C-alpha atoms as a PDB file:
ATOM      1  CA  MET A   1     141.740-110.655  32.464  1.00  0.00           C
ATOM      2  CA  ALA A   2     144.146-113.050  30.773  1.00  0.00           C
ATOM      3  CA  ARG A   3     143.678-116.313  28.931  1.00  0.00           C
ATOM      4  CA  ILE A   4     145.752-118.960  30.707  1.00  0.00           C
ATOM      5  CA  LEU A   5     146.435-122.542  29.649  1.00  0.00           C
ATOM      6  CA  VAL A   6     147.481-125.012  32.367  1.00  0.00           C
ATOM      7  CA  ILE A   7     149.285-128.160  31.173  1.00  0.00           C
ATOM      8  CA  ASP A   8     149.804-130.733  33.941  1.00  0.00           C
ATOM      9  CA  ASP A   9     149.169-134.474  34.107  1.00  0.00           C
ATOM     10  CA  GLU A  10     147.928-134.300  37.708  1.00  0.00           C
ATOM     11  CA  GLN A  11     144.221-133.500  37.735  1.00  0.00           C
ATOM     12  CA  TRP A  12     144.283-132.045  41.261  1.00  0.00           C
ATOM     13  CA  VAL A  13     146.985-129.549  40.184  1.00  0.00           C
ATOM     14  CA  ARG A  14     144.906-128.495  37.167  1.00  0.00           C
ATOM     15  CA  LEU A  15     141.807-128.090  39.362  1.00  0.00           C
ATOM     16  CA  PHE A  16     143.716-126.126  42.016  1.00  0.00           C
ATOM     17  CA  LEU A  17     145.232-123.787  39.425  1.00  0.00           C
ATOM     18  CA  ARG A  18     141.903-123.361  37.620  1.00  0.00           C
ATOM     19  CA  GLU A  19     140.211-122.396  40.899  1.00  0.00           C
ATOM     20  CA  ILE A  20     142.780-119.828  42.017  1.00  0.00           C
ATOM     21  CA  LEU A  21     143.233-118.333  38.537  1.00  0.00           C
ATOM     22  CA  GLU A  22     139.509-118.047  37.809  1.00  0.00           C
ATOM     23  CA  ARG A  23     138.950-116.443  41.220  1.00  0.00           C
ATOM     24  CA  ASP A  24     141.644-113.962  40.194  1.00  0.00           C
ATOM     25  CA  GLY A  25     139.556-113.100  37.107  1.00  0.00           C
ATOM     26  CA  HIS A  26     141.265-115.108  34.374  1.00  0.00           C
ATOM     27  CA  LYS A  27     139.857-117.429  31.722  1.00  0.00           C
ATOM     28  CA  VAL A  28     141.460-120.862  32.167  1.00  0.00           C
ATOM     29  CA  ALA A  29     141.762-123.914  29.931  1.00  0.00           C
ATOM     30  CA  ASP A  30     143.686-127.027  30.895  1.00  0.00           C
ATOM     31  CA  ALA A  31     145.253-130.117  29.370  1.00  0.00           C
ATOM     32  CA  PRO A  32     146.723-133.338  30.818  1.00  0.00           C
ATOM     33  CA  ASP A  33     149.880-133.371  28.684  1.00  0.00           C
ATOM     34  CA  GLY A  34     151.895-131.352  26.197  1.00  0.00           C
ATOM     35  CA  ARG A  35     150.303-132.886  23.115  1.00  0.00           C
ATOM     36  CA  ALA A  36     146.765-131.981  24.267  1.00  0.00           C
ATOM     37  CA  GLY A  37     147.963-128.558  25.418  1.00  0.00           C
ATOM     38  CA  LEU A  38     149.466-127.700  22.059  1.00  0.00           C
ATOM     39  CA  ARG A  39     146.264-128.841  20.351  1.00  0.00           C
ATOM     40  CA  LEU A  40     144.213-126.533  22.619  1.00  0.00           C
ATOM     41  CA  LEU A  41     146.578-123.648  21.954  1.00  0.00           C
ATOM     42  CA  SER A  42     146.147-124.111  18.211  1.00  0.00           C
ATOM     43  CA  GLU A  43     142.383-123.655  18.682  1.00  0.00           C
ATOM     44  CA  GLU A  44     142.483-120.701  21.057  1.00  0.00           C
ATOM     45  CA  GLN A  45     145.479-118.518  21.859  1.00  0.00           C
ATOM     46  CA  ALA A  46     146.586-117.964  25.454  1.00  0.00           C
ATOM     47  CA  ASP A  47     148.473-115.076  27.032  1.00  0.00           C
ATOM     48  CA  LEU A  48     150.204-117.386  29.479  1.00  0.00           C
ATOM     49  CA  THR A  49     150.874-121.120  29.651  1.00  0.00           C
ATOM     50  CA  ILE A  50     151.746-122.936  32.877  1.00  0.00           C
ATOM     51  CA  VAL A  51     153.626-126.130  31.997  1.00  0.00           C
ATOM     52  CA  ASP A  52     154.571-129.057  34.243  1.00  0.00           C
ATOM     53  CA  ILE A  53     157.945-130.611  33.442  1.00  0.00           C
ATOM     54  CA  PHE A  54     157.219-134.315  34.051  1.00  0.00           C
ATOM     55  CA  MET A  55     154.241-135.577  32.030  1.00  0.00           C
ATOM     56  CA  PRO A  56     153.419-138.554  29.806  1.00  0.00           C
ATOM     57  CA  GLU A  57     152.967-138.231  26.030  1.00  0.00           C
ATOM     58  CA  LYS A  58     154.877-134.973  25.560  1.00  0.00           C
ATOM     59  CA  GLU A  59     156.901-133.890  28.579  1.00  0.00           C
ATOM     60  CA  GLY A  60     157.395-130.299  29.663  1.00  0.00           C
ATOM     61  CA  LEU A  61     160.802-129.385  28.253  1.00  0.00           C
ATOM     62  CA  GLU A  62     159.785-130.659  24.831  1.00  0.00           C
ATOM     63  CA  THR A  63     156.474-128.797  25.155  1.00  0.00           C
ATOM     64  CA  ILE A  64     158.251-125.551  26.095  1.00  0.00           C
ATOM     65  CA  ARG A  65     160.560-125.836  23.090  1.00  0.00           C
ATOM     66  CA  GLU A  66     157.590-126.403  20.783  1.00  0.00           C
ATOM     67  CA  LEU A  67     155.645-123.525  22.358  1.00  0.00           C
ATOM     68  CA  ARG A  68     158.600-121.204  21.724  1.00  0.00           C
ATOM     69  CA  ARG A  69     158.838-122.362  18.113  1.00  0.00           C
ATOM     70  CA  GLU A  70     155.108-122.359  17.247  1.00  0.00           C
ATOM     71  CA  TYR A  71     153.825-119.540  19.507  1.00  0.00           C
ATOM     72  CA  PRO A  72     156.771-117.221  20.227  1.00  0.00           C
ATOM     73  CA  GLY A  73     154.526-114.616  21.895  1.00  0.00           C
ATOM     74  CA  VAL A  74     153.077-116.894  24.576  1.00  0.00           C
ATOM     75  CA  LYS A  75     154.578-116.480  28.029  1.00  0.00           C
ATOM     76  CA  ILE A  76     155.478-119.586  30.030  1.00  0.00           C
ATOM     77  CA  ILE A  77     155.717-120.481  33.706  1.00  0.00           C
ATOM     78  CA  ALA A  78     157.289-123.917  34.282  1.00  0.00           C
ATOM     79  CA  ILE A  79     156.403-125.952  37.366  1.00  0.00           C
ATOM     80  CA  SER A  80     157.906-129.186  38.668  1.00  0.00           C
ATOM     81  CA  GLY A  81     158.084-131.383  41.701  1.00  0.00           C
ATOM     82  CA  GLY A  82     161.083-133.244  40.253  1.00  0.00           C
ATOM     83  CA  GLY A  83     163.643-130.511  40.816  1.00  0.00           C
ATOM     84  CA  GLN A  84     167.122-131.828  40.129  1.00  0.00           C
ATOM     85  CA  ILE A  85     168.320-135.282  39.156  1.00  0.00           C
ATOM     86  CA  GLY A  86     172.074-135.607  39.428  1.00  0.00           C
ATOM     87  CA  ASN A  87     173.573-132.469  37.936  1.00  0.00           C
ATOM     88  CA  PHE A  88     170.512-131.818  35.762  1.00  0.00           C
ATOM     89  CA  ASP A  89     168.221-129.074  37.092  1.00  0.00           C
ATOM     90  CA  PHE A  90     164.973-129.303  35.113  1.00  0.00           C
ATOM     91  CA  LEU A  91     163.567-125.919  36.172  1.00  0.00           C
ATOM     92  CA  HIS A  92     166.824-124.180  35.248  1.00  0.00           C
ATOM     93  CA  MET A  93     166.701-125.921  31.867  1.00  0.00           C
ATOM     94  CA  ALA A  94     163.062-124.817  31.418  1.00  0.00           C
ATOM     95  CA  LYS A  95     164.196-121.219  31.888  1.00  0.00           C
ATOM     96  CA  ARG A  96     166.913-121.702  29.280  1.00  0.00           C
ATOM     97  CA  PHE A  97     164.288-123.103  26.876  1.00  0.00           C
ATOM     98  CA  GLY A  98     162.089-120.013  27.302  1.00  0.00           C
ATOM     99  CA  ALA A  99     160.096-120.106  30.546  1.00  0.00           C
ATOM    100  CA  MET A 100     159.839-116.635  32.090  1.00  0.00           C
ATOM    101  CA  ARG A 101     159.402-118.001  35.614  1.00  0.00           C
ATOM    102  CA  THR A 102     159.844-121.352  37.305  1.00  0.00           C
ATOM    103  CA  ILE A 103     158.147-122.635  40.445  1.00  0.00           C
ATOM    104  CA  ALA A 104     158.937-125.792  42.395  1.00  0.00           C
ATOM    105  CA  LYS A 105     156.066-127.986  43.610  1.00  0.00           C
ATOM    106  CA  PRO A 106     154.568-127.886  46.098  1.00  0.00           C
ATOM    107  CA  PHE A 107     153.837-124.175  45.843  1.00  0.00           C
ATOM    108  CA  GLU A 108     151.591-121.797  47.734  1.00  0.00           C
ATOM    109  CA  LYS A 109     148.642-120.027  46.133  1.00  0.00           C
ATOM    110  CA  LYS A 110     150.294-116.623  46.713  1.00  0.00           C
ATOM    111  CA  GLU A 111     153.551-117.736  45.084  1.00  0.00           C
ATOM    112  CA  MET A 112     151.700-118.794  41.922  1.00  0.00           C
ATOM    113  CA  LEU A 113     149.521-115.673  41.776  1.00  0.00           C
ATOM    114  CA  ASP A 114     152.566-113.435  42.291  1.00  0.00           C
ATOM    115  CA  ALA A 115     154.358-115.169  39.389  1.00  0.00           C
ATOM    116  CA  VAL A 116     151.272-114.927  37.156  1.00  0.00           C
ATOM    117  CA  HIS A 117     150.820-111.225  37.954  1.00  0.00           C
ATOM    118  CA  GLU A 118     154.509-110.532  37.304  1.00  0.00           C
ATOM    119  CA  VAL A 119     154.478-112.264  33.915  1.00  0.00           C
ATOM    120  CA  LEU A 120     151.211-110.634  32.868  1.00  0.00           C
ATOM    121  CA  GLU A 121     152.445-107.177  33.885  1.00  0.00           C
ATOM    122  CA  ASP A 122     155.487-107.746  31.654  1.00  0.00           C
ATOM    123  CA  ILE A 123     153.154-108.157  28.668  1.00  0.00           C
ATOM    124  CA  GLY A 124     150.755-105.401  29.660  1.00  0.00           C
ATOM    125  CA  VAL A 125     147.837-107.585  30.801  1.00  0.00           C
ATOM    126  CA  THR A 126     146.287-106.518  34.088  1.00  0.00           C
ATOM    127  CA  HIS A 127     144.503-108.793  36.503  1.00  0.00           C
END
């Protein structure tokens, strides 16, 4: 069982991820933006953080950079429905900032669980 923090401004995404991750045996906390997510992480460590790219308050790329700086051991999966604007690919940039995996929205339950399992196996946490 892993401790997973979901940071996404869309409540339905947080609820969907909480449901599938808890059914998979994980402990899940969630936050509506990067600022609230970082505050939660300071109170209770997580093995994995799932971060949306486009959010109010503190957006995802900024959140990923701060996660890397403040919590270098936490693993990150970046998610986004925004994809690419012009020549700027936000998910590719998230990977450069430290995300281990990236997933475009909308995603299937299996795609997310496969990514979570892969990242957790890399750090020795079983599901």
